[in-house]
Amino acid sequence: MRKNAPIAKLEDQTEEGSQTVTNPKFEVYTDKAGEFRFRLKARNGEIIAASEGYKAKVSCMNGIESVRKNAPEAETVDEKE
């Protein structure tokens, strides 16, 4: 995430006729409940992060910006321990 988030492009799948972009990328989409979500895909296409649902698209976009800003300095936690 540290390497991919800051350079990830944005693919907004909620916009009609949106462009498909190469990985790494943030994909913005709507779920079955109509909420906005994003996922971060690494260079190899693997999903490495997924968001909660947001009622407003602007909140979803703010979440992406937060990940971009904070991922490079984020603490690494091993959840296996």
N, C-alpha and C. Protein backbone atom coordinates (compact mmCIF):
# COMPACT_ATOMS: atom_id res chain seq x y z
N MET A 1 0.81 -1.18 0.00
CA MET A 1 0.00 0.00 0.00
C MET A 1 0.86 1.26 0.00
N ARG A 2 1.94 1.20 0.72
CA ARG A 2 2.82 2.38 0.80
C ARG A 2 3.30 2.82 -0.57
N LYS A 3 3.61 1.87 -1.43
CA LYS A 3 4.13 2.20 -2.76
C LYS A 3 3.02 2.53 -3.75
N ASN A 4 1.90 1.82 -3.66
CA ASN A 4 0.85 1.95 -4.66
C ASN A 4 -0.09 3.13 -4.46
N ALA A 5 -0.47 3.41 -3.23
CA ALA A 5 -1.48 4.45 -2.97
C ALA A 5 -1.09 5.83 -3.50
N PRO A 6 0.14 6.29 -3.25
CA PRO A 6 0.47 7.65 -3.70
C PRO A 6 0.47 7.84 -5.22
N ILE A 7 0.72 6.77 -5.97
CA ILE A 7 0.82 6.89 -7.43
C ILE A 7 -0.38 6.32 -8.16
N ALA A 8 -1.34 5.79 -7.42
CA ALA A 8 -2.51 5.15 -8.04
C ALA A 8 -3.36 6.16 -8.79
N LYS A 9 -3.79 5.75 -9.98
CA LYS A 9 -4.69 6.56 -10.79
C LYS A 9 -6.11 6.35 -10.27
N LEU A 10 -7.05 7.12 -10.77
CA LEU A 10 -8.44 7.03 -10.35
C LEU A 10 -9.30 6.54 -11.51
N GLU A 11 -10.06 5.48 -11.25
CA GLU A 11 -11.03 4.97 -12.22
C GLU A 11 -12.41 5.09 -11.58
N ASP A 12 -13.19 6.05 -12.03
CA ASP A 12 -14.50 6.31 -11.46
C ASP A 12 -15.56 5.54 -12.25
N GLN A 13 -15.93 4.39 -11.74
CA GLN A 13 -16.89 3.53 -12.42
C GLN A 13 -18.33 3.99 -12.23
N THR A 14 -18.53 5.07 -11.47
CA THR A 14 -19.87 5.61 -11.27
C THR A 14 -20.24 6.59 -12.38
N GLU A 15 -19.26 7.00 -13.17
CA GLU A 15 -19.49 7.93 -14.28
C GLU A 15 -19.70 7.14 -15.56
N GLU A 16 -20.75 7.47 -16.28
CA GLU A 16 -21.01 6.80 -17.55
C GLU A 16 -19.89 7.12 -18.54
N GLY A 17 -19.41 6.09 -19.22
CA GLY A 17 -18.35 6.28 -20.19
C GLY A 17 -16.98 6.51 -19.57
N SER A 18 -16.80 6.10 -18.31
CA SER A 18 -15.52 6.32 -17.65
C SER A 18 -14.42 5.51 -18.32
N GLN A 19 -13.21 6.04 -18.26
CA GLN A 19 -12.04 5.41 -18.84
C GLN A 19 -11.49 4.33 -17.91
N THR A 20 -11.09 3.21 -18.47
CA THR A 20 -10.38 2.19 -17.72
C THR A 20 -8.92 2.61 -17.67
N VAL A 21 -8.33 2.58 -16.48
CA VAL A 21 -6.93 2.97 -16.33
C VAL A 21 -6.11 1.78 -15.86
N THR A 22 -4.80 1.87 -16.01
CA THR A 22 -3.92 0.78 -15.62
C THR A 22 -3.66 0.80 -14.11
N ASN A 23 -3.24 -0.34 -13.61
CA ASN A 23 -2.88 -0.47 -12.19
C ASN A 23 -1.51 0.15 -11.95
N PRO A 24 -1.25 0.63 -10.77
CA PRO A 24 -2.11 0.66 -9.60
C PRO A 24 -3.21 1.71 -9.77
N LYS A 25 -4.38 1.41 -9.16
CA LYS A 25 -5.48 2.34 -9.30
C LYS A 25 -6.48 2.22 -8.15
N PHE A 26 -7.17 3.32 -7.92
CA PHE A 26 -8.33 3.34 -7.05
C PHE A 26 -9.55 3.19 -7.95
N GLU A 27 -10.41 2.25 -7.65
CA GLU A 27 -11.66 2.10 -8.38
C GLU A 27 -12.79 2.60 -7.48
N VAL A 28 -13.57 3.54 -7.97
CA VAL A 28 -14.74 4.04 -7.26
C VAL A 28 -15.96 3.39 -7.91
N TYR A 29 -16.84 2.84 -7.08
CA TYR A 29 -18.03 2.16 -7.60
C TYR A 29 -19.16 2.27 -6.59
N THR A 30 -20.36 1.87 -7.00
CA THR A 30 -21.49 1.83 -6.07
C THR A 30 -21.81 0.37 -5.77
N ASP A 31 -22.14 0.11 -4.52
CA ASP A 31 -22.48 -1.25 -4.12
C ASP A 31 -23.98 -1.50 -4.28
N LYS A 32 -24.45 -2.67 -3.91
CA LYS A 32 -25.85 -3.05 -4.08
C LYS A 32 -26.80 -2.16 -3.29
N ALA A 33 -26.30 -1.57 -2.20
CA ALA A 33 -27.11 -0.68 -1.37
C ALA A 33 -27.11 0.75 -1.91
N GLY A 34 -26.37 1.00 -2.99
CA GLY A 34 -26.30 2.33 -3.57
C GLY A 34 -25.27 3.24 -2.92
N GLU A 35 -24.44 2.67 -2.06
CA GLU A 35 -23.39 3.47 -1.41
C GLU A 35 -22.12 3.47 -2.27
N PHE A 36 -21.34 4.52 -2.11
CA PHE A 36 -20.07 4.65 -2.84
C PHE A 36 -18.97 3.95 -2.06
N ARG A 37 -18.13 3.24 -2.78
CA ARG A 37 -17.00 2.53 -2.19
C ARG A 37 -15.79 2.69 -3.10
N PHE A 38 -14.61 2.42 -2.55
CA PHE A 38 -13.42 2.35 -3.39
C PHE A 38 -12.60 1.14 -3.00
N ARG A 39 -11.81 0.69 -3.95
CA ARG A 39 -10.82 -0.35 -3.68
C ARG A 39 -9.53 0.09 -4.35
N LEU A 40 -8.44 -0.30 -3.73
CA LEU A 40 -7.11 0.00 -4.27
C LEU A 40 -6.54 -1.29 -4.83
N LYS A 41 -6.16 -1.24 -6.10
CA LYS A 41 -5.55 -2.39 -6.74
C LYS A 41 -4.07 -2.11 -6.94
N ALA A 42 -3.26 -3.12 -6.63
CA ALA A 42 -1.80 -3.02 -6.80
C ALA A 42 -1.44 -3.15 -8.28
N ARG A 43 -0.17 -3.01 -8.57
CA ARG A 43 0.31 -3.12 -9.96
C ARG A 43 -0.09 -4.44 -10.61
N ASN A 44 -0.15 -5.51 -9.82
CA ASN A 44 -0.47 -6.83 -10.36
C ASN A 44 -1.98 -7.09 -10.43
N GLY A 45 -2.80 -6.10 -10.06
CA GLY A 45 -4.25 -6.24 -10.13
C GLY A 45 -4.90 -6.76 -8.87
N GLU A 46 -4.09 -7.14 -7.88
CA GLU A 46 -4.62 -7.65 -6.62
C GLU A 46 -5.22 -6.50 -5.81
N ILE A 47 -6.40 -6.75 -5.22
CA ILE A 47 -7.03 -5.75 -4.36
C ILE A 47 -6.28 -5.76 -3.03
N ILE A 48 -5.74 -4.60 -2.66
CA ILE A 48 -4.96 -4.51 -1.42
C ILE A 48 -5.65 -3.65 -0.37
N ALA A 49 -6.75 -3.00 -0.73
CA ALA A 49 -7.52 -2.23 0.24
C ALA A 49 -8.93 -2.06 -0.29
N ALA A 50 -9.89 -2.04 0.62
CA ALA A 50 -11.29 -1.81 0.26
C ALA A 50 -11.91 -0.93 1.34
N SER A 51 -12.74 -0.01 0.91
CA SER A 51 -13.32 0.96 1.84
C SER A 51 -14.65 0.49 2.41
N GLU A 52 -15.12 1.26 3.37
CA GLU A 52 -16.48 1.13 3.86
C GLU A 52 -17.39 1.79 2.84
N GLY A 53 -18.70 1.69 3.05
CA GLY A 53 -19.65 2.37 2.18
C GLY A 53 -19.84 3.81 2.61
N TYR A 54 -19.95 4.69 1.63
CA TYR A 54 -20.18 6.11 1.89
C TYR A 54 -21.49 6.53 1.24
N LYS A 55 -22.29 7.30 1.93
CA LYS A 55 -23.56 7.78 1.38
C LYS A 55 -23.32 8.83 0.28
N ALA A 56 -22.27 9.64 0.44
CA ALA A 56 -21.96 10.71 -0.51
C ALA A 56 -20.66 10.40 -1.25
N LYS A 57 -20.66 10.68 -2.54
CA LYS A 57 -19.47 10.43 -3.35
C LYS A 57 -18.29 11.28 -2.87
N VAL A 58 -18.57 12.51 -2.46
CA VAL A 58 -17.49 13.38 -1.99
C VAL A 58 -16.78 12.77 -0.78
N SER A 59 -17.52 12.08 0.07
CA SER A 59 -16.90 11.41 1.23
C SER A 59 -16.00 10.27 0.79
N CYS A 60 -16.43 9.55 -0.23
CA CYS A 60 -15.61 8.46 -0.79
C CYS A 60 -14.32 9.02 -1.36
N MET A 61 -14.42 10.12 -2.10
CA MET A 61 -13.24 10.74 -2.69
C MET A 61 -12.30 11.26 -1.60
N ASN A 62 -12.87 11.79 -0.51
CA ASN A 62 -12.04 12.23 0.62
C ASN A 62 -11.31 11.04 1.24
N GLY A 63 -11.96 9.87 1.29
CA GLY A 63 -11.32 8.67 1.79
C GLY A 63 -10.12 8.27 0.95
N ILE A 64 -10.26 8.37 -0.36
CA ILE A 64 -9.14 8.08 -1.27
C ILE A 64 -7.99 9.04 -1.01
N GLU A 65 -8.29 10.30 -0.89
CA GLU A 65 -7.24 11.30 -0.66
C GLU A 65 -6.53 11.05 0.68
N SER A 66 -7.29 10.61 1.67
CA SER A 66 -6.69 10.31 2.97
C SER A 66 -5.72 9.13 2.85
N VAL A 67 -6.12 8.11 2.11
CA VAL A 67 -5.24 6.95 1.91
C VAL A 67 -3.98 7.37 1.15
N ARG A 68 -4.16 8.15 0.10
CA ARG A 68 -3.00 8.63 -0.68
C ARG A 68 -2.02 9.39 0.21
N LYS A 69 -2.56 10.24 1.06
CA LYS A 69 -1.73 11.09 1.91
C LYS A 69 -1.05 10.31 3.03
N ASN A 70 -1.79 9.40 3.67
CA ASN A 70 -1.30 8.75 4.88
C ASN A 70 -0.61 7.40 4.68
N ALA A 71 -0.86 6.73 3.58
CA ALA A 71 -0.29 5.39 3.36
C ALA A 71 1.24 5.35 3.39
N PRO A 72 1.93 6.33 2.78
CA PRO A 72 3.40 6.24 2.77
C PRO A 72 4.03 6.22 4.16
N GLU A 73 3.38 6.84 5.14
CA GLU A 73 3.93 6.93 6.49
C GLU A 73 3.22 6.02 7.49
N ALA A 74 2.26 5.23 7.02
CA ALA A 74 1.45 4.40 7.92
C ALA A 74 2.27 3.29 8.56
N GLU A 75 1.89 2.96 9.77
CA GLU A 75 2.53 1.87 10.51
C GLU A 75 2.09 0.53 9.89
N THR A 76 2.99 -0.40 9.79
CA THR A 76 2.68 -1.73 9.29
C THR A 76 2.30 -2.62 10.48
N VAL A 77 1.15 -3.29 10.37
CA VAL A 77 0.67 -4.16 11.44
C VAL A 77 0.49 -5.56 10.86
N ASP A 78 1.11 -6.55 11.52
CA ASP A 78 0.98 -7.95 11.10
C ASP A 78 -0.18 -8.54 11.88
N GLU A 79 -1.29 -8.80 11.21
CA GLU A 79 -2.49 -9.31 11.88
C GLU A 79 -2.42 -10.80 12.17
N LYS A 80 -1.36 -11.46 11.74
CA LYS A 80 -1.19 -12.90 11.99
C LYS A 80 -0.76 -13.17 13.42
N GLU A 81 -0.21 -12.16 14.07
CA GLU A 81 0.31 -12.35 15.44
C GLU A 81 -0.80 -12.31 16.45
